[in-house]
Amino acid sequence: MGRKGKMEDATVTSEYLHEEIKIKWYLPEGFTPFKDYQLCIMQDGDDYFQMGRVATLSDQLHEEVEIEPTIFVGIHYQDKYDRQDKYHPNGKQNNNYIQFLTNEVLPFIEDTLHISPTKRALIGDSLAGTLAFMVASQFPKTFDIVIMQSPYVDEKVLEQATHVDHFSNLEIHHTIGTEETEVHTTSGEVSDFLTPNRKLNQMLQGKLNIYQYNEFTGNHTWKYWQKDLRNILIEMLGEK
C-alpha cells in the first residue's frame, strides 16, 4: 500500500557543527505551501520513521482527522557516540547542536516549505527526549509542545525544571516505564531512569499549561515507545 503523504530530504550545512547534516520531512497528503501546519521535529529521526512508523501514523491520523495538519521532520545522528555528544546535557557538542536546531534547521525548513507553523513540537526518546525538554524550556517562545518518551534525567535537567515559571506555557507529554530501573547507557553505565523521572514529574506537576505524565508497564525499548505513539500524537497534536 502506497504512502498518502510525501517524504523529502535535504542537507543542512551547519556553521555551528562544521558538518553537513541530512534531514527528512514527511508532508501530509495535499500539502500546500503558505497554509497552516504544525511542525513536529524528531531527534533520532530515522528511528521515529522506521521503528516509530511515523509516516504510517501520519497518513492514518490525518485521514481520520485525529491531528491538526502536521509536518514531521526527522534529524538523525552518525553513531551512538555522536548522539551522546549532541543530545546529552553535558555533551561536548550539545550547545552547538541546540544552536544548529534553533538557528539553522528551523529557518531552513520553514523557508524551504514556505510555512509559518501554528505550533512547533519537539519529540524524542531517551536522550533525544532529554534534548527536546532542554531546548523547548530554554526557548519557550519558539517551541510550544514537548513529547519526551523515557528521557534521561540528571541534575542538569532537574535544575532546568526549577525554572518552570519561565516556560509554564509549554505543553508537555512525559512517559517512563516502570521497568526502567537498569538502563544500559552509551557511557557503559547502568542507570535508574525511573526514579529521576518521577522526581521531574513532581517538579512539573501542576505548573504547566498542559502536562501529561504516564508510567507504562515496560522497559527502555521501542516496543513500548511505538505502542504509545499513536495516542500521544493525538493528544498533543490534535485539536485542543
Protein backbone atom coordinates (compact mmCIF):
# COMPACT_ATOMS: atom_id res chain seq x y z
CA MET A 1 0.00 0.00 0.00
CA GLY A 2 1.46 3.31 -1.08
CA ARG A 3 2.01 6.34 1.08
CA LYS A 4 -0.57 9.11 1.06
CA GLY A 5 1.96 11.75 2.08
CA LYS A 6 5.36 12.54 0.63
CA MET A 7 8.84 12.02 2.07
CA GLU A 8 11.54 14.52 1.14
CA ASP A 9 15.07 15.13 2.31
CA ALA A 10 17.65 17.90 2.25
CA THR A 11 21.09 18.67 3.61
CA VAL A 12 21.86 21.50 6.01
CA THR A 13 25.42 22.76 6.15
CA SER A 14 25.91 23.74 9.76
CA GLU A 15 28.23 26.56 10.74
CA TYR A 16 27.80 25.58 14.39
CA LEU A 17 28.69 21.89 13.99
CA HIS A 18 31.00 22.22 10.97
CA GLU A 19 29.34 19.35 9.15
CA GLU A 20 26.59 18.57 6.69
CA ILE A 21 23.52 17.01 8.25
CA LYS A 22 20.76 15.32 6.31
CA ILE A 23 17.21 15.95 7.44
CA LYS A 24 13.99 14.33 6.27
CA TRP A 25 10.41 15.50 6.40
CA TYR A 26 7.08 13.87 5.72
CA LEU A 27 4.42 16.07 4.18
CA PRO A 28 0.76 15.15 4.72
CA GLU A 29 -1.39 14.37 1.71
CA GLY A 30 -2.47 17.54 -0.08
CA PHE A 31 0.33 19.65 1.38
CA THR A 32 0.12 23.22 0.12
CA PRO A 33 2.71 25.94 0.87
CA PHE A 34 1.59 29.06 2.76
CA LYS A 35 -1.18 27.18 4.59
CA ASP A 36 -1.33 26.44 8.33
CA TYR A 37 0.69 23.47 9.57
CA GLN A 38 2.18 22.27 12.82
CA LEU A 39 5.84 21.30 12.74
CA CYS A 40 6.96 18.24 14.73
CA ILE A 41 10.74 17.84 14.87
CA MET A 42 12.06 14.43 15.89
CA GLN A 43 15.60 13.78 17.11
CA ASP A 44 16.51 10.12 16.49
CA GLY A 45 14.63 10.86 13.27
CA ASP A 46 15.31 7.60 11.42
CA ASP A 47 14.23 5.64 14.49
CA TYR A 48 10.93 7.51 14.61
CA PHE A 49 10.31 6.98 10.90
CA GLN A 50 11.36 3.31 10.95
CA MET A 51 10.61 1.87 14.40
CA GLY A 52 8.06 4.50 15.37
CA ARG A 53 6.31 4.20 11.96
CA VAL A 54 5.60 7.91 11.98
CA ALA A 55 4.86 8.17 8.24
CA THR A 56 2.17 5.48 8.56
CA LEU A 57 0.77 7.16 11.67
CA SER A 58 0.76 10.50 9.87
CA ASP A 59 -1.26 9.04 6.99
CA GLN A 60 -3.74 7.40 9.35
CA LEU A 61 -4.16 10.31 11.76
CA HIS A 62 -4.57 12.91 9.02
CA GLU A 63 -7.09 10.75 7.16
CA GLU A 64 -9.04 10.23 10.40
CA VAL A 65 -8.72 13.95 11.23
CA GLU A 66 -7.26 12.99 14.61
CA ILE A 67 -4.43 15.55 14.43
CA GLU A 68 -4.17 19.04 13.03
CA PRO A 69 -2.22 19.23 9.72
CA THR A 70 1.35 18.39 10.73
CA ILE A 71 4.73 18.07 9.03
CA PHE A 72 7.04 15.54 10.69
CA VAL A 73 10.77 16.28 10.46
CA GLY A 74 13.49 13.78 11.33
CA ILE A 75 17.10 14.56 12.24
CA HIS A 76 19.37 11.59 12.85
CA TYR A 77 22.85 11.00 14.24
CA GLN A 78 26.05 9.43 12.87
CA ASP A 79 26.50 6.83 15.62
CA LYS A 80 25.79 6.40 19.33
CA TYR A 81 28.83 8.46 20.32
CA ASP A 82 27.85 11.34 18.04
CA ARG A 83 24.37 11.13 19.56
CA GLN A 84 25.83 11.30 23.07
CA ASP A 85 27.93 14.35 22.20
CA LYS A 86 24.97 16.22 20.72
CA TYR A 87 21.98 15.18 22.83
CA HIS A 88 23.40 14.73 26.34
CA PRO A 89 23.08 17.88 28.52
CA ASN A 90 26.83 17.67 29.19
CA GLY A 91 27.79 16.54 25.69
CA LYS A 92 30.71 18.38 24.14
CA GLN A 93 28.59 19.42 21.12
CA ASN A 94 25.30 19.92 22.96
CA ASN A 95 25.32 23.72 22.93
CA ASN A 96 26.31 23.86 19.27
CA TYR A 97 23.66 21.30 18.39
CA ILE A 98 20.99 23.39 20.10
CA GLN A 99 22.12 26.42 18.07
CA PHE A 100 22.03 24.29 14.92
CA LEU A 101 18.49 23.19 15.70
CA THR A 102 17.07 26.60 16.56
CA ASN A 103 19.06 28.88 14.25
CA GLU A 104 19.68 26.70 11.20
CA VAL A 105 17.18 23.83 10.96
CA LEU A 106 14.03 25.79 11.82
CA PRO A 107 14.61 28.66 9.36
CA PHE A 108 15.74 26.22 6.67
CA ILE A 109 12.59 24.09 6.90
CA GLU A 110 10.19 26.99 7.18
CA ASP A 111 11.80 28.90 4.31
CA THR A 112 12.05 25.83 2.09
CA LEU A 113 8.45 24.75 2.64
CA HIS A 114 7.08 28.31 2.83
CA ILE A 115 5.29 27.79 6.13
CA SER A 116 4.81 29.73 9.36
CA PRO A 117 3.93 26.93 11.81
CA THR A 118 0.90 27.33 14.03
CA LYS A 119 2.79 25.28 16.62
CA ARG A 120 6.26 23.77 16.87
CA ALA A 121 6.76 20.48 18.68
CA LEU A 122 9.89 18.59 19.72
CA ILE A 123 9.73 14.85 20.27
CA GLY A 124 12.37 12.36 21.35
CA ASP A 125 13.07 9.08 23.11
CA SER A 126 15.69 8.64 25.86
CA LEU A 127 18.48 11.25 25.32
CA ALA A 128 16.50 12.69 22.40
CA GLY A 129 13.62 13.27 24.81
CA THR A 130 16.01 14.99 27.19
CA LEU A 131 17.12 17.27 24.38
CA ALA A 132 13.50 18.08 23.49
CA PHE A 133 12.83 19.22 27.05
CA MET A 134 16.05 21.17 27.43
CA VAL A 135 15.68 23.02 24.13
CA ALA A 136 11.99 23.89 24.44
CA SER A 137 12.36 25.03 28.05
CA GLN A 138 15.20 27.35 27.02
CA PHE A 139 13.23 28.68 24.01
CA PRO A 140 9.58 28.67 25.12
CA LYS A 141 8.68 31.41 22.66
CA THR A 142 9.95 29.26 19.80
CA PHE A 143 8.53 25.86 20.76
CA ASP A 144 5.05 25.01 22.04
CA ILE A 145 4.99 21.25 22.61
CA VAL A 146 7.39 18.68 24.09
CA ILE A 147 6.96 14.93 23.84
CA MET A 148 9.60 13.06 25.84
CA GLN A 149 9.49 9.28 25.92
CA SER A 150 11.64 7.79 28.70
CA PRO A 151 14.03 10.77 28.87
CA TYR A 152 17.38 10.64 30.59
CA VAL A 153 17.14 12.91 33.66
CA ASP A 154 20.15 14.16 35.59
CA GLU A 155 20.86 17.08 37.92
CA LYS A 156 21.17 19.49 35.00
CA VAL A 157 17.70 18.56 33.77
CA LEU A 158 16.26 18.87 37.28
CA GLU A 159 17.94 22.26 37.67
CA GLN A 160 16.32 23.41 34.42
CA ALA A 161 12.95 22.26 35.78
CA THR A 162 13.30 24.64 38.73
CA HIS A 163 12.83 27.48 36.21
CA VAL A 164 9.38 26.17 35.25
CA ASP A 165 7.81 29.62 35.67
CA HIS A 166 9.73 30.77 32.59
CA PHE A 167 8.29 28.04 30.37
CA SER A 168 4.92 27.36 32.00
CA ASN A 169 3.16 27.91 28.65
CA LEU A 170 4.70 24.71 27.23
CA GLU A 171 2.52 21.66 26.63
CA ILE A 172 4.47 18.57 27.73
CA HIS A 173 3.81 14.85 27.45
CA HIS A 174 6.14 12.78 29.63
CA THR A 175 6.31 8.98 29.82
CA ILE A 176 8.55 6.50 31.62
CA GLY A 177 8.45 2.72 32.02
CA THR A 178 8.13 1.11 35.43
CA GLU A 179 10.85 -1.40 34.45
CA GLU A 180 13.39 1.28 33.52
CA THR A 181 15.48 0.81 36.64
CA GLU A 182 18.57 -0.71 34.96
CA VAL A 183 19.12 1.02 31.63
CA HIS A 184 22.41 0.41 29.80
CA THR A 185 23.75 3.76 28.58
CA THR A 186 26.28 4.72 25.90
CA SER A 187 28.84 5.56 28.59
CA GLY A 188 28.73 1.94 29.73
CA GLU A 189 26.90 2.68 32.97
CA VAL A 190 23.69 1.03 34.14
CA SER A 191 21.29 3.74 35.31
CA ASP A 192 17.95 4.00 37.07
CA PHE A 193 15.77 6.13 34.79
CA LEU A 194 12.54 5.67 36.72
CA THR A 195 13.43 7.44 39.97
CA PRO A 196 14.71 10.72 38.47
CA ASN A 197 11.79 10.80 36.02
CA ARG A 198 9.41 10.58 38.95
CA LYS A 199 11.27 13.45 40.59
CA LEU A 200 10.97 15.51 37.39
CA ASN A 201 7.26 14.73 37.33
CA GLN A 202 6.87 16.03 40.89
CA MET A 203 8.63 19.26 39.93
CA LEU A 204 6.47 19.87 36.84
CA GLN A 205 3.11 18.69 38.18
CA GLY A 206 0.55 21.49 38.28
CA LYS A 207 2.95 24.14 36.98
CA LEU A 208 2.48 23.90 33.21
CA ASN A 209 -0.26 24.92 30.80
CA ILE A 210 -0.69 21.27 29.79
CA TYR A 211 1.30 18.44 31.40
CA GLN A 212 0.52 14.78 30.82
CA TYR A 213 2.54 12.17 32.72
CA ASN A 214 2.20 8.44 32.25
CA GLU A 215 4.04 5.41 33.59
CA PHE A 216 3.72 2.37 31.34
CA THR A 217 4.50 -1.22 32.23
CA GLY A 218 7.63 -1.88 30.21
CA ASN A 219 11.30 -1.16 29.68
CA HIS A 220 13.57 1.18 27.73
CA THR A 221 12.82 -0.07 24.20
CA TRP A 222 10.94 0.90 21.05
CA LYS A 223 8.49 -1.94 21.67
CA TYR A 224 6.81 0.30 24.24
CA TRP A 225 7.52 3.73 22.75
CA GLN A 226 5.91 2.77 19.44
CA LYS A 227 2.89 1.27 21.18
CA ASP A 228 2.12 4.59 22.89
CA LEU A 229 2.90 6.87 19.98
CA ARG A 230 -0.48 6.98 18.24
CA ASN A 231 -2.34 8.11 21.37
CA ILE A 232 0.41 10.59 22.29
CA LEU A 233 0.30 12.24 18.86
CA ILE A 234 -3.50 12.52 19.00
CA GLU A 235 -3.35 14.02 22.46
CA MET A 236 -0.60 16.54 21.74
CA LEU A 237 -1.12 17.34 18.04
CA GLY A 238 -4.89 17.01 17.87
CA GLU A 239 -7.40 19.81 18.27
CA LYS A 240 -7.36 21.15 21.82
